[in-house]
């Protein structure tokens, strides 16, 4: 797997979509994750699975999934757990 860091609020460049197998979005600010997810749900990234990491509470999970996240990892998740989630998303697809 290859990772590409994208720090801005909008979706990554459309040219990245061809090689993207999954997107990982940080849930560091309220509302920020939902807007990042929404920006990827159209266009070239519509079929790419999205994993949201660092969710503060399990109660946030439903809202993030409704926004378009394929899976959510709590802030307490270990690196190994996140890697397993990414691998599962890549295998499964959207």
Protein backbone atom coordinates (compact mmCIF):
# COMPACT_ATOMS: atom_id res chain seq x y z
CA UNK A 1 0.00 0.00 0.00
CA UNK A 2 1.11 3.53 -0.75
CA UNK A 3 0.07 6.48 1.40
CA UNK A 4 -0.30 10.07 0.30
CA UNK A 5 -0.70 12.87 2.83
CA UNK A 6 -3.43 15.37 2.05
CA UNK A 7 -3.76 18.07 4.70
CA UNK A 8 -6.24 20.52 3.16
CA UNK A 9 -9.99 20.58 3.78
CA UNK A 10 -11.19 19.59 0.29
CA UNK A 11 -10.88 16.33 -1.54
CA UNK A 12 -7.46 15.27 -2.82
CA UNK A 13 -6.62 16.02 -6.45
CA UNK A 14 -8.67 14.03 -8.96
CA UNK A 15 -5.40 12.69 -10.40
CA UNK A 16 -4.86 10.79 -7.12
CA UNK A 17 -8.14 8.90 -7.50
CA UNK A 18 -6.84 6.43 -10.07
CA UNK A 19 -4.34 4.96 -7.61
CA UNK A 20 -6.33 5.47 -4.38
CA UNK A 21 -7.46 2.25 -2.73
CA UNK A 22 -8.76 3.95 0.44
CA UNK A 23 -8.86 7.37 2.08
CA UNK A 24 -8.04 7.90 5.76
CA UNK A 25 -9.56 11.03 7.31
CA UNK A 26 -8.68 12.41 10.76
CA UNK A 27 -11.62 13.32 12.97
CA UNK A 28 -9.68 15.94 14.89
CA UNK A 29 -12.21 18.79 14.81
CA UNK A 30 -15.99 18.76 15.18
CA UNK A 31 -17.67 18.85 11.78
CA UNK A 32 -14.35 18.71 9.96
CA UNK A 33 -14.48 14.98 9.26
CA UNK A 34 -18.02 15.19 7.91
CA UNK A 35 -17.07 17.98 5.48
CA UNK A 36 -13.95 16.09 4.35
CA UNK A 37 -16.00 12.94 3.75
CA UNK A 38 -18.67 14.88 1.86
CA UNK A 39 -16.02 16.41 -0.42
CA UNK A 40 -14.92 12.90 -1.50
CA UNK A 41 -18.33 11.37 -2.14
CA UNK A 42 -18.72 12.77 -5.64
CA UNK A 43 -16.53 12.64 -8.68
CA UNK A 44 -13.49 10.43 -8.97
CA UNK A 45 -13.47 9.37 -5.29
CA UNK A 46 -17.10 8.26 -5.10
CA UNK A 47 -16.17 4.55 -5.07
CA UNK A 48 -13.12 4.84 -2.76
CA UNK A 49 -13.71 3.62 0.83
CA UNK A 50 -13.15 6.16 3.62
CA UNK A 51 -11.82 5.34 7.10
CA UNK A 52 -12.22 8.03 9.76
CA UNK A 53 -9.62 7.80 12.55
CA UNK A 54 -9.34 9.46 15.96
CA UNK A 55 -13.07 9.69 16.67
CA UNK A 56 -13.39 10.84 20.28
CA UNK A 57 -16.53 8.86 21.16
CA UNK A 58 -18.39 5.87 19.80
CA UNK A 59 -21.47 8.11 19.61
CA UNK A 60 -19.83 9.94 16.67
CA UNK A 61 -19.73 6.77 14.59
CA UNK A 62 -23.32 6.90 13.30
CA UNK A 63 -23.02 10.51 12.10
CA UNK A 64 -19.71 9.77 10.35
CA UNK A 65 -21.15 6.71 8.59
CA UNK A 66 -24.22 8.73 7.54
CA UNK A 67 -21.80 11.34 6.11
CA UNK A 68 -20.26 8.60 3.96
CA UNK A 69 -17.52 6.98 6.02
CA UNK A 70 -17.02 3.28 5.32
CA UNK A 71 -15.59 2.63 8.80
CA UNK A 72 -14.56 4.55 11.93
CA UNK A 73 -11.70 4.02 14.39
CA UNK A 74 -11.81 5.56 17.84
CA UNK A 75 -8.90 7.61 19.14
CA UNK A 76 -8.05 4.68 21.42
CA UNK A 77 -7.49 2.34 18.44
CA UNK A 78 -3.97 0.99 18.10
CA UNK A 79 -1.92 1.28 14.92
CA UNK A 80 -2.42 -2.45 14.33
CA UNK A 81 -6.20 -2.08 14.54
CA UNK A 82 -6.15 0.80 12.04
CA UNK A 83 -3.96 -1.17 9.62
CA UNK A 84 -6.43 -4.09 9.82
CA UNK A 85 -9.32 -1.74 9.06
CA UNK A 86 -7.50 -0.23 6.06
CA UNK A 87 -6.63 -3.67 4.70
CA UNK A 88 -10.24 -4.82 5.09
CA UNK A 89 -11.52 -1.71 3.26
CA UNK A 90 -9.03 -2.22 0.42
CA UNK A 91 -10.10 -5.86 0.03
CA UNK A 92 -13.80 -5.11 0.33
CA UNK A 93 -13.94 -1.80 -1.56
CA UNK A 94 -16.74 0.68 -1.07
